[in-house]
Amino acid sequence: SFSGEQMALTESRALFWPRMEALLVADLHLEKGSAFAARGQLLPPFDSRATLDRLEAEVAELEPRMVVLLGDSFHDARSIGRMAADDLQRLHRLAAGREWLWLEGNHDREALNAADDATSLLPGSVVPALSLGALRLTHEPEPGDQPGEVAGHLHPAAKVVAYSRGVRRP
């Protein structure tokens, strides 16, 4: 329960809000591998496809009416242009018949507001933040205590320290 709303965490670390039939997902970082490759660090180019596999599985299982991407959906300003055509088509298939909202994150703000209108390639709408029910959905948290705020930028984790060494994990 969060701010009076019943929520469910999924195995892939998404948040499902049954009352709103909404799937909330943050930090997809699509095209992160191609961003690193463009800078000379060669990584296998399968990260976007693997991320879309997980997203597609969640959508198939939960059948949300709405999908809200809480920011950092893309790794950098050129990510949308680097996406494979079949990955873009896959996003359109996933969004078909449901409300699809992209919130602006610190990594993808430029990509989602590109002067060349790269967002015309994407399904859905781009919004800076969203108030829905008792919750305020955003990427970066507002200063101070904001009741009902869900911020995609935060990465909940636990840190365990023993023998002067620590490990931090989701």
C-alpha atoms as a PDB file:
ATOM      1  CA  SER A   1       0.000   0.000   0.000  1.00  0.00           C
ATOM      2  CA  PHE A   2       1.318   3.438  -0.933  1.00  0.00           C
ATOM      3  CA  SER A   3      -0.630   6.647  -0.268  1.00  0.00           C
ATOM      4  CA  GLY A   4      -3.770   4.567   0.093  1.00  0.00           C
ATOM      5  CA  GLU A   5      -3.263   2.819  -3.253  1.00  0.00           C
ATOM      6  CA  GLN A   6      -2.632  -0.907  -3.542  1.00  0.00           C
ATOM      7  CA  MET A   7       0.372  -1.619  -5.752  1.00  0.00           C
ATOM      8  CA  ALA A   8       2.202  -4.758  -6.851  1.00  0.00           C
ATOM      9  CA  LEU A   9       5.919  -5.062  -7.570  1.00  0.00           C
ATOM     10  CA  THR A  10       6.721  -7.378 -10.457  1.00  0.00           C
ATOM     11  CA  GLU A  11       9.671  -9.714 -10.851  1.00  0.00           C
ATOM     12  CA  SER A  12      11.185  -7.373 -13.428  1.00  0.00           C
ATOM     13  CA  ARG A  13      11.052  -4.463 -10.931  1.00  0.00           C
ATOM     14  CA  ALA A  14       8.073  -2.722 -12.509  1.00  0.00           C
ATOM     15  CA  LEU A  15       5.119  -1.457 -10.492  1.00  0.00           C
ATOM     16  CA  PHE A  16       1.558  -2.476 -11.325  1.00  0.00           C
ATOM     17  CA  TRP A  17      -1.328  -0.359 -10.070  1.00  0.00           C
ATOM     18  CA  PRO A  18      -4.431  -2.561 -10.354  1.00  0.00           C
ATOM     19  CA  ARG A  19      -7.067   0.122  -9.674  1.00  0.00           C
ATOM     20  CA  MET A  20      -5.760   2.237 -12.559  1.00  0.00           C
ATOM     21  CA  GLU A  21      -4.734  -0.802 -14.632  1.00  0.00           C
ATOM     22  CA  ALA A  22      -1.400   0.983 -15.003  1.00  0.00           C
ATOM     23  CA  LEU A  23       2.071  -0.435 -15.436  1.00  0.00           C
ATOM     24  CA  LEU A  24       4.815   1.916 -14.199  1.00  0.00           C
ATOM     25  CA  VAL A  25       8.335   1.323 -15.501  1.00  0.00           C
ATOM     26  CA  ALA A  26      11.512   3.380 -15.095  1.00  0.00           C
ATOM     27  CA  ASP A  27      15.029   3.448 -16.479  1.00  0.00           C
ATOM     28  CA  LEU A  28      14.737   1.362 -19.643  1.00  0.00           C
ATOM     29  CA  HIS A  29      17.852   3.112 -21.037  1.00  0.00           C
ATOM     30  CA  LEU A  30      17.079   1.936 -24.567  1.00  0.00           C
ATOM     31  CA  GLU A  31      20.098   2.051 -26.868  1.00  0.00           C
ATOM     32  CA  LYS A  32      22.610   2.230 -24.030  1.00  0.00           C
ATOM     33  CA  GLY A  33      24.791  -0.330 -25.801  1.00  0.00           C
ATOM     34  CA  SER A  34      24.828   1.653 -29.045  1.00  0.00           C
ATOM     35  CA  ALA A  35      25.685   4.833 -27.092  1.00  0.00           C
ATOM     36  CA  PHE A  36      28.716   3.096 -25.595  1.00  0.00           C
ATOM     37  CA  ALA A  37      29.660   1.658 -29.006  1.00  0.00           C
ATOM     38  CA  ALA A  38      29.556   5.154 -30.536  1.00  0.00           C
ATOM     39  CA  ARG A  39      32.170   6.155 -27.946  1.00  0.00           C
ATOM     40  CA  GLY A  40      34.414   3.191 -28.755  1.00  0.00           C
ATOM     41  CA  GLN A  41      33.321   0.789 -26.016  1.00  0.00           C
ATOM     42  CA  LEU A  42      32.036  -2.208 -27.886  1.00  0.00           C
ATOM     43  CA  LEU A  43      29.192  -3.986 -26.137  1.00  0.00           C
ATOM     44  CA  PRO A  44      26.838  -6.561 -27.610  1.00  0.00           C
ATOM     45  CA  PRO A  45      23.982  -4.644 -29.301  1.00  0.00           C
ATOM     46  CA  PHE A  46      21.207  -6.661 -27.665  1.00  0.00           C
ATOM     47  CA  ASP A  47      20.325  -4.511 -24.647  1.00  0.00           C
ATOM     48  CA  SER A  48      17.317  -2.752 -26.201  1.00  0.00           C
ATOM     49  CA  ARG A  49      15.874  -5.994 -27.509  1.00  0.00           C
ATOM     50  CA  ALA A  50      16.311  -7.695 -24.105  1.00  0.00           C
ATOM     51  CA  THR A  51      14.679  -4.714 -22.362  1.00  0.00           C
ATOM     52  CA  LEU A  52      11.748  -4.789 -24.784  1.00  0.00           C
ATOM     53  CA  ASP A  53      11.432  -8.559 -24.188  1.00  0.00           C
ATOM     54  CA  ARG A  54      10.934  -7.911 -20.457  1.00  0.00           C
ATOM     55  CA  LEU A  55       8.518  -5.049 -21.100  1.00  0.00           C
ATOM     56  CA  GLU A  56       6.533  -7.113 -23.583  1.00  0.00           C
ATOM     57  CA  ALA A  57       6.263  -9.987 -21.081  1.00  0.00           C
ATOM     58  CA  GLU A  58       4.894  -7.609 -18.413  1.00  0.00           C
ATOM     59  CA  VAL A  59       2.366  -6.116 -20.837  1.00  0.00           C
ATOM     60  CA  ALA A  60       1.247  -9.583 -21.967  1.00  0.00           C
ATOM     61  CA  GLU A  61       0.840 -10.850 -18.413  1.00  0.00           C
ATOM     62  CA  LEU A  62      -0.790  -7.790 -16.819  1.00  0.00           C
ATOM     63  CA  GLU A  63      -2.702  -6.375 -19.818  1.00  0.00           C
ATOM     64  CA  PRO A  64      -2.504  -2.786 -18.535  1.00  0.00           C
ATOM     65  CA  ARG A  65      -4.838  -0.105 -19.848  1.00  0.00           C
ATOM     66  CA  MET A  66      -2.008   2.400 -19.375  1.00  0.00           C
ATOM     67  CA  VAL A  67       1.788   2.216 -19.471  1.00  0.00           C
ATOM     68  CA  VAL A  68       3.716   5.054 -17.841  1.00  0.00           C
ATOM     69  CA  LEU A  69       7.457   5.158 -18.498  1.00  0.00           C
ATOM     70  CA  LEU A  70       8.918   7.130 -15.581  1.00  0.00           C
ATOM     71  CA  GLY A  71      11.899   8.581 -17.416  1.00  0.00           C
ATOM     72  CA  ASP A  72      15.318   7.547 -18.635  1.00  0.00           C
ATOM     73  CA  SER A  73      13.600   5.436 -21.272  1.00  0.00           C
ATOM     74  CA  PHE A  74      16.429   6.339 -23.656  1.00  0.00           C
ATOM     75  CA  HIS A  75      20.096   6.520 -22.849  1.00  0.00           C
ATOM     76  CA  ASP A  76      20.986   9.701 -24.718  1.00  0.00           C
ATOM     77  CA  ALA A  77      19.737  12.354 -27.137  1.00  0.00           C
ATOM     78  CA  ARG A  78      20.377  10.216 -30.243  1.00  0.00           C
ATOM     79  CA  SER A  79      18.945   6.930 -28.961  1.00  0.00           C
ATOM     80  CA  ILE A  80      15.630   7.132 -30.807  1.00  0.00           C
ATOM     81  CA  GLY A  81      17.425   7.639 -34.115  1.00  0.00           C
ATOM     82  CA  ARG A  82      19.659   4.615 -33.453  1.00  0.00           C
ATOM     83  CA  MET A  83      16.797   2.256 -32.632  1.00  0.00           C
ATOM     84  CA  ALA A  84      16.259  -0.589 -35.076  1.00  0.00           C
ATOM     85  CA  ALA A  85      13.080  -0.269 -37.147  1.00  0.00           C
ATOM     86  CA  ASP A  86      11.709  -3.536 -35.770  1.00  0.00           C
ATOM     87  CA  ASP A  87      12.236  -2.315 -32.177  1.00  0.00           C
ATOM     88  CA  LEU A  88      10.294   0.864 -32.976  1.00  0.00           C
ATOM     89  CA  GLN A  89       7.534  -1.220 -34.555  1.00  0.00           C
ATOM     90  CA  ARG A  90       7.502  -3.402 -31.459  1.00  0.00           C
ATOM     91  CA  LEU A  91       6.944  -0.320 -29.265  1.00  0.00           C
ATOM     92  CA  HIS A  92       3.985   0.628 -31.453  1.00  0.00           C
ATOM     93  CA  ARG A  93       2.514  -2.884 -31.113  1.00  0.00           C
ATOM     94  CA  LEU A  94       2.953  -2.762 -27.321  1.00  0.00           C
ATOM     95  CA  ALA A  95       1.246   0.643 -27.154  1.00  0.00           C
ATOM     96  CA  ALA A  96      -1.669  -0.301 -29.425  1.00  0.00           C
ATOM     97  CA  GLY A  97      -5.005  -0.079 -27.618  1.00  0.00           C
ATOM     98  CA  ARG A  98      -3.612   1.468 -24.441  1.00  0.00           C
ATOM     99  CA  GLU A  99      -2.559   4.852 -23.152  1.00  0.00           C
ATOM    100  CA  TRP A 100       1.234   5.140 -23.433  1.00  0.00           C
ATOM    101  CA  LEU A 101       3.014   7.981 -21.624  1.00  0.00           C
ATOM    102  CA  TRP A 102       6.701   8.903 -21.685  1.00  0.00           C
ATOM    103  CA  LEU A 103       7.862  11.026 -18.738  1.00  0.00           C
ATOM    104  CA  GLU A 104      10.978  13.077 -19.308  1.00  0.00           C
ATOM    105  CA  GLY A 105      14.055  11.814 -17.483  1.00  0.00           C
ATOM    106  CA  ASN A 106      17.496  13.354 -17.127  1.00  0.00           C
ATOM    107  CA  HIS A 107      18.984  10.944 -19.697  1.00  0.00           C
ATOM    108  CA  ASP A 108      16.290  11.260 -22.332  1.00  0.00           C
ATOM    109  CA  ARG A 109      14.985  14.815 -21.995  1.00  0.00           C
ATOM    110  CA  GLU A 110      16.871  15.853 -25.135  1.00  0.00           C
ATOM    111  CA  ALA A 111      15.738  12.763 -27.053  1.00  0.00           C
ATOM    112  CA  LEU A 112      12.092  13.322 -26.143  1.00  0.00           C
ATOM    113  CA  ASN A 113      12.238  17.021 -27.045  1.00  0.00           C
ATOM    114  CA  ALA A 114      14.482  16.727 -30.099  1.00  0.00           C
ATOM    115  CA  ALA A 115      14.282  19.556 -32.607  1.00  0.00           C
ATOM    116  CA  ASP A 116      14.021  17.043 -35.451  1.00  0.00           C
ATOM    117  CA  ASP A 117      10.872  15.691 -33.783  1.00  0.00           C
ATOM    118  CA  ALA A 118      12.248  12.193 -33.221  1.00  0.00           C
ATOM    119  CA  THR A 119       9.265  11.614 -30.941  1.00  0.00           C
ATOM    120  CA  SER A 120       7.074  11.356 -34.037  1.00  0.00           C
ATOM    121  CA  LEU A 121       8.638   7.890 -34.361  1.00  0.00           C
ATOM    122  CA  LEU A 122       7.283   6.900 -30.930  1.00  0.00           C
ATOM    123  CA  PRO A 123       3.802   5.880 -29.864  1.00  0.00           C
ATOM    124  CA  GLY A 124       1.962   7.795 -27.149  1.00  0.00           C
ATOM    125  CA  SER A 125       2.581  11.175 -25.558  1.00  0.00           C
ATOM    126  CA  VAL A 126       5.468  12.885 -23.787  1.00  0.00           C
ATOM    127  CA  VAL A 127       4.700  14.617 -20.468  1.00  0.00           C
ATOM    128  CA  PRO A 128       6.997  16.165 -17.839  1.00  0.00           C
ATOM    129  CA  ALA A 129       5.038  14.628 -14.912  1.00  0.00           C
ATOM    130  CA  LEU A 130       1.585  13.197 -14.240  1.00  0.00           C
ATOM    131  CA  SER A 131      -0.940  13.355 -11.411  1.00  0.00           C
ATOM    132  CA  LEU A 132      -3.042  10.222 -11.353  1.00  0.00           C
ATOM    133  CA  GLY A 133      -5.359   9.292  -8.497  1.00  0.00           C
ATOM    134  CA  ALA A 134      -3.582   9.998  -5.216  1.00  0.00           C
ATOM    135  CA  LEU A 135      -0.153   9.780  -6.833  1.00  0.00           C
ATOM    136  CA  ARG A 136       2.183  12.174  -8.599  1.00  0.00           C
ATOM    137  CA  LEU A 137       4.348  10.354 -11.130  1.00  0.00           C
ATOM    138  CA  THR A 138       7.629  12.003 -12.051  1.00  0.00           C
ATOM    139  CA  HIS A 139      11.200  11.177 -12.905  1.00  0.00           C
ATOM    140  CA  GLU A 140      13.095  13.341 -10.454  1.00  0.00           C
ATOM    141  CA  PRO A 141      11.678  13.893  -6.973  1.00  0.00           C
ATOM    142  CA  GLU A 142      10.627  17.349  -5.852  1.00  0.00           C
ATOM    143  CA  PRO A 143      12.484  18.845  -2.864  1.00  0.00           C
ATOM    144  CA  GLY A 144      10.880  18.177   0.494  1.00  0.00           C
ATOM    145  CA  ASP A 145       8.266  15.656   1.470  1.00  0.00           C
ATOM    146  CA  GLN A 146       5.825  15.117  -1.403  1.00  0.00           C
ATOM    147  CA  PRO A 147       3.079  12.701  -0.330  1.00  0.00           C
ATOM    148  CA  GLY A 148       2.221  10.190  -3.027  1.00  0.00           C
ATOM    149  CA  GLU A 149       5.213  10.948  -5.212  1.00  0.00           C
ATOM    150  CA  VAL A 150       6.600   8.087  -7.307  1.00  0.00           C
ATOM    151  CA  ALA A 151       9.949   9.119  -8.804  1.00  0.00           C
ATOM    152  CA  GLY A 152      11.536   6.871 -11.409  1.00  0.00           C
ATOM    153  CA  HIS A 153      14.991   8.367 -10.833  1.00  0.00           C
ATOM    154  CA  LEU A 154      15.284   6.808  -7.390  1.00  0.00           C
ATOM    155  CA  HIS A 155      16.820   3.359  -7.285  1.00  0.00           C
ATOM    156  CA  PRO A 156      15.646   1.545  -4.141  1.00  0.00           C
ATOM    157  CA  ALA A 157      18.386  -0.715  -2.880  1.00  0.00           C
ATOM    158  CA  ALA A 158      19.855  -2.281   0.203  1.00  0.00           C
ATOM    159  CA  LYS A 159      23.484  -1.954   1.212  1.00  0.00           C
ATOM    160  CA  VAL A 160      25.109  -4.586   3.364  1.00  0.00           C
ATOM    161  CA  VAL A 161      28.487  -3.821   4.930  1.00  0.00           C
ATOM    162  CA  ALA A 162      30.652  -6.427   6.610  1.00  0.00           C
ATOM    163  CA  TYR A 163      34.383  -6.579   7.296  1.00  0.00           C
ATOM    164  CA  SER A 164      34.898  -3.045   5.901  1.00  0.00           C
ATOM    165  CA  ARG A 165      33.399  -4.022   2.557  1.00  0.00           C
ATOM    166  CA  GLY A 166      29.937  -3.368   1.210  1.00  0.00           C
ATOM    167  CA  VAL A 167      27.617  -4.505  -1.505  1.00  0.00           C
ATOM    168  CA  ARG A 168      24.585  -2.582  -2.838  1.00  0.00           C
ATOM    169  CA  ARG A 169      21.837  -4.412  -4.695  1.00  0.00           C
ATOM    170  CA  PRO A 170      18.246  -3.680  -5.770  1.00  0.00           C
END
